[in-house]
PDB file of N, CA and C in Angstrom:
ATOM      1  N   MET A   1       0.842  -1.169   0.000  1.00  0.00           N
ATOM      2  CA  MET A   1       0.000   0.000   0.000  1.00  0.00           C
ATOM      3  C   MET A   1       0.893   1.239   0.000  1.00  0.00           C
ATOM      4  N   THR A   2       0.592   2.179  -0.870  1.00  0.00           N
ATOM      5  CA  THR A   2       1.394   3.406  -0.966  1.00  0.00           C
ATOM      6  C   THR A   2       0.850   4.461  -0.013  1.00  0.00           C
ATOM      7  N   ARG A   3       1.765   5.115   0.624  1.00  0.00           N
ATOM      8  CA  ARG A   3       1.385   6.178   1.539  1.00  0.00           C
ATOM      9  C   ARG A   3       1.459   7.500   0.784  1.00  0.00           C
ATOM     10  N   HIS A   4       0.374   8.227   0.787  1.00  0.00           N
ATOM     11  CA  HIS A   4       0.336   9.519   0.108  1.00  0.00           C
ATOM     12  C   HIS A   4       0.829  10.589   1.076  1.00  0.00           C
ATOM     13  N   PRO A   5       1.734  11.457   0.619  1.00  0.00           N
ATOM     14  CA  PRO A   5       2.235  12.501   1.504  1.00  0.00           C
ATOM     15  C   PRO A   5       1.136  13.512   1.836  1.00  0.00           C
ATOM     16  N   ASN A   6       1.175  13.989   3.057  1.00  0.00           N
ATOM     17  CA  ASN A   6       0.218  15.014   3.450  1.00  0.00           C
ATOM     18  C   ASN A   6       0.939  16.356   3.552  1.00  0.00           C
ATOM     19  N   ILE A   7       0.247  17.366   4.011  1.00  0.00           N
ATOM     20  CA  ILE A   7       0.837  18.705   4.036  1.00  0.00           C
ATOM     21  C   ILE A   7       2.029  18.771   4.999  1.00  0.00           C
ATOM     22  N   TRP A   8       2.031  17.960   6.055  1.00  0.00           N
ATOM     23  CA  TRP A   8       3.171  17.946   6.990  1.00  0.00           C
ATOM     24  C   TRP A   8       4.426  17.424   6.307  1.00  0.00           C
ATOM     25  N   ASP A   9       4.267  16.409   5.460  1.00  0.00           N
ATOM     26  CA  ASP A   9       5.428  15.810   4.808  1.00  0.00           C
ATOM     27  C   ASP A   9       5.999  16.704   3.710  1.00  0.00           C
ATOM     28  N   ARG A  10       5.148  17.464   3.058  1.00  0.00           N
ATOM     29  CA  ARG A  10       5.606  18.250   1.918  1.00  0.00           C
ATOM     30  C   ARG A  10       5.990  19.668   2.305  1.00  0.00           C
ATOM     31  N   GLU A  11       5.097  20.391   2.913  1.00  0.00           N
ATOM     32  CA  GLU A  11       5.316  21.809   3.162  1.00  0.00           C
ATOM     33  C   GLU A  11       4.787  22.236   4.527  1.00  0.00           C
ATOM     34  N   PRO A  12       5.565  22.066   5.578  1.00  0.00           N
ATOM     35  CA  PRO A  12       5.080  22.540   6.880  1.00  0.00           C
ATOM     36  C   PRO A  12       4.928  24.061   6.919  1.00  0.00           C
ATOM     37  N   ALA A  13       5.723  24.780   6.131  1.00  0.00           N
ATOM     38  CA  ALA A  13       5.589  26.235   6.085  1.00  0.00           C
ATOM     39  C   ALA A  13       4.252  26.643   5.470  1.00  0.00           C
ATOM     40  N   ALA A  14       3.756  25.864   4.537  1.00  0.00           N
ATOM     41  CA  ALA A  14       2.446  26.151   3.938  1.00  0.00           C
ATOM     42  C   ALA A  14       1.346  25.985   4.982  1.00  0.00           C
ATOM     43  N   PHE A  15       1.483  25.002   5.858  1.00  0.00           N
ATOM     44  CA  PHE A  15       0.504  24.811   6.923  1.00  0.00           C
ATOM     45  C   PHE A  15       0.527  25.997   7.879  1.00  0.00           C
ATOM     46  N   LEU A  16       1.720  26.489   8.208  1.00  0.00           N
ATOM     47  CA  LEU A  16       1.837  27.651   9.088  1.00  0.00           C
ATOM     48  C   LEU A  16       1.184  28.867   8.441  1.00  0.00           C
ATOM     49  N   SER A  17       1.370  29.033   7.155  1.00  0.00           N
ATOM     50  CA  SER A  17       0.742  30.150   6.451  1.00  0.00           C
ATOM     51  C   SER A  17      -0.779  30.015   6.437  1.00  0.00           C
ATOM     52  N   LEU A  18      -1.264  28.803   6.275  1.00  0.00           N
ATOM     53  CA  LEU A  18      -2.700  28.564   6.296  1.00  0.00           C
ATOM     54  C   LEU A  18      -3.291  28.934   7.651  1.00  0.00           C
ATOM     55  N   VAL A  19      -2.632  28.523   8.723  1.00  0.00           N
ATOM     56  CA  VAL A  19      -3.108  28.860  10.065  1.00  0.00           C
ATOM     57  C   VAL A  19      -3.049  30.372  10.280  1.00  0.00           C
ATOM     58  N   SER A  20      -1.979  31.005   9.818  1.00  0.00           N
ATOM     59  CA  SER A  20      -1.845  32.462   9.964  1.00  0.00           C
ATOM     60  C   SER A  20      -2.997  33.187   9.275  1.00  0.00           C
ATOM     61  N   ALA A  21      -3.278  32.786   8.050  1.00  0.00           N
ATOM     62  CA  ALA A  21      -4.356  33.425   7.307  1.00  0.00           C
ATOM     63  C   ALA A  21      -5.709  33.185   7.960  1.00  0.00           C
ATOM     64  N   THR A  22      -5.921  31.986   8.458  1.00  0.00           N
ATOM     65  CA  THR A  22      -7.186  31.663   9.120  1.00  0.00           C
ATOM     66  C   THR A  22      -7.378  32.493  10.378  1.00  0.00           C
ATOM     67  N   VAL A  23      -6.333  32.594  11.186  1.00  0.00           N
ATOM     68  CA  VAL A  23      -6.424  33.387  12.415  1.00  0.00           C
ATOM     69  C   VAL A  23      -6.662  34.857  12.080  1.00  0.00           C
ATOM     70  N   ALA A  24      -5.996  35.358  11.054  1.00  0.00           N
ATOM     71  CA  ALA A  24      -6.190  36.755  10.660  1.00  0.00           C
ATOM     72  C   ALA A  24      -7.624  37.007  10.211  1.00  0.00           C
ATOM     73  N   LEU A  25      -8.184  36.081   9.427  1.00  0.00           N
ATOM     74  CA  LEU A  25      -9.565  36.245   8.971  1.00  0.00           C
ATOM     75  C   LEU A  25     -10.559  36.150  10.121  1.00  0.00           C
ATOM     76  N   VAL A  26     -10.332  35.228  11.034  1.00  0.00           N
ATOM     77  CA  VAL A  26     -11.223  35.092  12.193  1.00  0.00           C
ATOM     78  C   VAL A  26     -11.157  36.343  13.051  1.00  0.00           C
ATOM     79  N   ALA A  27      -9.954  36.866  13.239  1.00  0.00           N
ATOM     80  CA  ALA A  27      -9.808  38.078  14.050  1.00  0.00           C
ATOM     81  C   ALA A  27     -10.449  39.283  13.372  1.00  0.00           C
ATOM     82  N   ALA A  28     -10.373  39.335  12.051  1.00  0.00           N
ATOM     83  CA  ALA A  28     -10.910  40.489  11.340  1.00  0.00           C
ATOM     84  C   ALA A  28     -12.437  40.448  11.197  1.00  0.00           C
ATOM     85  N   PHE A  29     -12.989  39.276  10.936  1.00  0.00           N
ATOM     86  CA  PHE A  29     -14.410  39.199  10.616  1.00  0.00           C
ATOM     87  C   PHE A  29     -15.263  38.443  11.634  1.00  0.00           C
ATOM     88  N   GLY A  30     -14.653  37.765  12.567  1.00  0.00           N
ATOM     89  CA  GLY A  30     -15.453  36.936  13.468  1.00  0.00           C
ATOM     90  C   GLY A  30     -15.280  37.324  14.917  1.00  0.00           C
ATOM     91  N   CYS A  31     -14.432  36.608  15.567  1.00  0.00           N
ATOM     92  CA  CYS A  31     -14.221  36.787  17.003  1.00  0.00           C
ATOM     93  C   CYS A  31     -13.511  38.101  17.284  1.00  0.00           C
ATOM     94  N   ASN A  32     -13.716  38.583  18.462  1.00  0.00           N
ATOM     95  CA  ASN A  32     -13.005  39.779  18.914  1.00  0.00           C
ATOM     96  C   ASN A  32     -11.744  39.339  19.640  1.00  0.00           C
ATOM     97  N   LEU A  33     -10.728  39.001  18.880  1.00  0.00           N
ATOM     98  CA  LEU A  33      -9.460  38.588  19.465  1.00  0.00           C
ATOM     99  C   LEU A  33      -8.561  39.807  19.615  1.00  0.00           C
ATOM    100  N   SER A  34      -7.895  39.869  20.752  1.00  0.00           N
ATOM    101  CA  SER A  34      -6.952  40.970  20.963  1.00  0.00           C
ATOM    102  C   SER A  34      -5.657  40.662  20.218  1.00  0.00           C
ATOM    103  N   GLY A  35      -4.821  41.665  20.115  1.00  0.00           N
ATOM    104  CA  GLY A  35      -3.525  41.474  19.466  1.00  0.00           C
ATOM    105  C   GLY A  35      -2.676  40.457  20.198  1.00  0.00           C
ATOM    106  N   GLU A  36      -2.784  40.431  21.521  1.00  0.00           N
ATOM    107  CA  GLU A  36      -2.027  39.475  22.322  1.00  0.00           C
ATOM    108  C   GLU A  36      -2.491  38.043  22.069  1.00  0.00           C
ATOM    109  N   GLN A  37      -3.795  37.866  21.922  1.00  0.00           N
ATOM    110  CA  GLN A  37      -4.320  36.529  21.654  1.00  0.00           C
ATOM    111  C   GLN A  37      -3.892  36.032  20.278  1.00  0.00           C
ATOM    112  N   VAL A  38      -3.962  36.899  19.297  1.00  0.00           N
ATOM    113  CA  VAL A  38      -3.521  36.521  17.952  1.00  0.00           C
ATOM    114  C   VAL A  38      -2.034  36.179  17.978  1.00  0.00           C
ATOM    115  N   GLY A  39      -1.246  36.982  18.678  1.00  0.00           N
ATOM    116  CA  GLY A  39       0.192  36.719  18.793  1.00  0.00           C
ATOM    117  C   GLY A  39       0.482  35.400  19.482  1.00  0.00           C
ATOM    118  N   ALA A  40      -0.277  35.088  20.534  1.00  0.00           N
ATOM    119  CA  ALA A  40      -0.074  33.824  21.253  1.00  0.00           C
ATOM    120  C   ALA A  40      -0.423  32.629  20.370  1.00  0.00           C
ATOM    121  N   ILE A  41      -1.510  32.723  19.623  1.00  0.00           N
ATOM    122  CA  ILE A  41      -1.889  31.631  18.717  1.00  0.00           C
ATOM    123  C   ILE A  41      -0.817  31.431  17.657  1.00  0.00           C
ATOM    124  N   MET A  42      -0.333  32.529  17.098  1.00  0.00           N
ATOM    125  CA  MET A  42       0.694  32.433  16.062  1.00  0.00           C
ATOM    126  C   MET A  42       2.007  31.885  16.618  1.00  0.00           C
ATOM    127  N   ALA A  43       2.376  32.298  17.818  1.00  0.00           N
ATOM    128  CA  ALA A  43       3.614  31.794  18.427  1.00  0.00           C
ATOM    129  C   ALA A  43       3.512  30.301  18.702  1.00  0.00           C
ATOM    130  N   PHE A  44       2.387  29.855  19.238  1.00  0.00           N
ATOM    131  CA  PHE A  44       2.196  28.434  19.513  1.00  0.00           C
ATOM    132  C   PHE A  44       2.259  27.622  18.223  1.00  0.00           C
ATOM    133  N   THR A  45       1.594  28.111  17.177  1.00  0.00           N
ATOM    134  CA  THR A  45       1.597  27.405  15.904  1.00  0.00           C
ATOM    135  C   THR A  45       2.992  27.357  15.303  1.00  0.00           C
ATOM    136  N   ALA A  46       3.729  28.454  15.406  1.00  0.00           N
ATOM    137  CA  ALA A  46       5.087  28.488  14.857  1.00  0.00           C
ATOM    138  C   ALA A  46       6.001  27.501  15.581  1.00  0.00           C
ATOM    139  N   VAL A  47       5.861  27.406  16.896  1.00  0.00           N
ATOM    140  CA  VAL A  47       6.670  26.447  17.653  1.00  0.00           C
ATOM    141  C   VAL A  47       6.309  25.018  17.272  1.00  0.00           C
ATOM    142  N   LEU A  48       5.030  24.733  17.166  1.00  0.00           N
ATOM    143  CA  LEU A  48       4.588  23.395  16.793  1.00  0.00           C
ATOM    144  C   LEU A  48       5.093  23.011  15.407  1.00  0.00           C
ATOM    145  N   VAL A  49       4.940  23.897  14.451  1.00  0.00           N
ATOM    146  CA  VAL A  49       5.406  23.619  13.089  1.00  0.00           C
ATOM    147  C   VAL A  49       6.926  23.514  13.053  1.00  0.00           C
ATOM    148  N   GLY A  50       7.609  24.306  13.867  1.00  0.00           N
ATOM    149  CA  GLY A  50       9.069  24.217  13.950  1.00  0.00           C
ATOM    150  C   GLY A  50       9.535  22.861  14.435  1.00  0.00           C
ATOM    151  N   PHE A  51       8.883  22.333  15.457  1.00  0.00           N
ATOM    152  CA  PHE A  51       9.242  21.004  15.952  1.00  0.00           C
ATOM    153  C   PHE A  51       8.983  19.920  14.908  1.00  0.00           C
ATOM    154  N   VAL A  52       7.861  20.015  14.219  1.00  0.00           N
ATOM    155  CA  VAL A  52       7.545  19.031  13.184  1.00  0.00           C
ATOM    156  C   VAL A  52       8.554  19.116  12.047  1.00  0.00           C
ATOM    157  N   THR A  53       8.877  20.339  11.629  1.00  0.00           N
ATOM    158  CA  THR A  53       9.853  20.521  10.555  1.00  0.00           C
ATOM    159  C   THR A  53      11.205  19.973  10.966  1.00  0.00           C
ATOM    160  N   ARG A  54      11.607  20.243  12.192  1.00  0.00           N
ATOM    161  CA  ARG A  54      12.901  19.754  12.696  1.00  0.00           C
ATOM    162  C   ARG A  54      12.956  18.236  12.670  1.00  0.00           C
ATOM    163  N   SER A  55      11.865  17.590  13.026  1.00  0.00           N
ATOM    164  CA  SER A  55      11.865  16.124  13.030  1.00  0.00           C
ATOM    165  C   SER A  55      11.914  15.549  11.619  1.00  0.00           C
ATOM    166  N   LYS A  56      11.450  16.313  10.635  1.00  0.00           N
ATOM    167  CA  LYS A  56      11.446  15.825   9.256  1.00  0.00           C
ATOM    168  C   LYS A  56      12.788  16.011   8.555  1.00  0.00           C
ATOM    169  N   VAL A  57      13.571  17.002   8.950  1.00  0.00           N
ATOM    170  CA  VAL A  57      14.791  17.321   8.216  1.00  0.00           C
ATOM    171  C   VAL A  57      16.074  16.952   8.952  1.00  0.00           C
ATOM    172  N   SER A  58      15.967  16.509  10.192  1.00  0.00           N
ATOM    173  CA  SER A  58      17.169  16.163  10.950  1.00  0.00           C
ATOM    174  C   SER A  58      17.715  14.816  10.503  1.00  0.00           C
ATOM    175  N   PRO A  59      19.033  14.718  10.369  1.00  0.00           N
ATOM    176  CA  PRO A  59      19.615  13.426   9.995  1.00  0.00           C
ATOM    177  C   PRO A  59      19.480  12.421  11.141  1.00  0.00           C
ATOM    178  N   VAL A  60      19.379  11.172  10.782  1.00  0.00           N
ATOM    179  CA  VAL A  60      19.234  10.100  11.760  1.00  0.00           C
ATOM    180  C   VAL A  60      20.445   9.185  11.641  1.00  0.00           C
ATOM    181  N   ASP A  61      21.005   8.809  12.756  1.00  0.00           N
ATOM    182  CA  ASP A  61      22.137   7.882  12.766  1.00  0.00           C
ATOM    183  C   ASP A  61      21.609   6.478  12.500  1.00  0.00           C
ATOM    184  N   THR A  62      21.865   5.959  11.302  1.00  0.00           N
ATOM    185  CA  THR A  62      21.348   4.649  10.929  1.00  0.00           C
ATOM    186  C   THR A  62      22.308   3.531  11.279  1.00  0.00           C
ATOM    187  N   SER A  63      23.475   3.848  11.813  1.00  0.00           N
ATOM    188  CA  SER A  63      24.436   2.790  12.121  1.00  0.00           C
ATOM    189  C   SER A  63      23.908   1.850  13.196  1.00  0.00           C
ATOM    190  N   MET A  64      23.004   2.301  14.033  1.00  0.00           N
ATOM    191  CA  MET A  64      22.464   1.421  15.061  1.00  0.00           C
ATOM    192  C   MET A  64      21.501   0.396  14.480  1.00  0.00           C
ATOM    193  N   PHE A  65      21.037   0.618  13.254  1.00  0.00           N
ATOM    194  CA  PHE A  65      20.130  -0.319  12.620  1.00  0.00           C
ATOM    195  C   PHE A  65      20.832  -1.332  11.730  1.00  0.00           C
ATOM    196  N   VAL A  66      22.109  -1.119  11.486  1.00  0.00           N
ATOM    197  CA  VAL A  66      22.859  -2.008  10.606  1.00  0.00           C
ATOM    198  C   VAL A  66      23.351  -3.190  11.428  1.00  0.00           C
ATOM    199  N   LYS A  67      23.088  -4.392  10.916  1.00  0.00           N
ATOM    200  CA  LYS A  67      23.519  -5.597  11.611  1.00  0.00           C
ATOM    201  C   LYS A  67      24.969  -5.880  11.232  1.00  0.00           C
ATOM    202  N   ARG A  68      25.826  -5.930  12.223  1.00  0.00           N
ATOM    203  CA  ARG A  68      27.240  -6.148  11.966  1.00  0.00           C
ATOM    204  C   ARG A  68      27.602  -7.610  12.193  1.00  0.00           C
ATOM    205  N   LYS A  69      28.548  -8.065  11.392  1.00  0.00           N
ATOM    206  CA  LYS A  69      29.013  -9.445  11.550  1.00  0.00           C
ATOM    207  C   LYS A  69      29.993  -9.507  12.701  1.00  0.00           C
ATOM    208  N   PRO A  70      29.917 -10.559  13.512  1.00  0.00           N
ATOM    209  CA  PRO A  70      30.852 -10.664  14.654  1.00  0.00           C
ATOM    210  C   PRO A  70      32.253 -11.000  14.219  1.00  0.00           C
TER     211      PRO A  70
END
């Protein structure tokens, strides 16, 4: 079975932009969010996306998975 990549696998920055735009639209046309609340939501999202991005691009030491001959 083939696994189809999702937005996390391809473009985590695009997901961050989507959340940013959504929060901006909600703040402008819907909820009465203060500047501090919008900033907190954006900071939390940026940290979350940063951790996900870091886990996707960091090299992994594969030598522990290689079976060595005695």
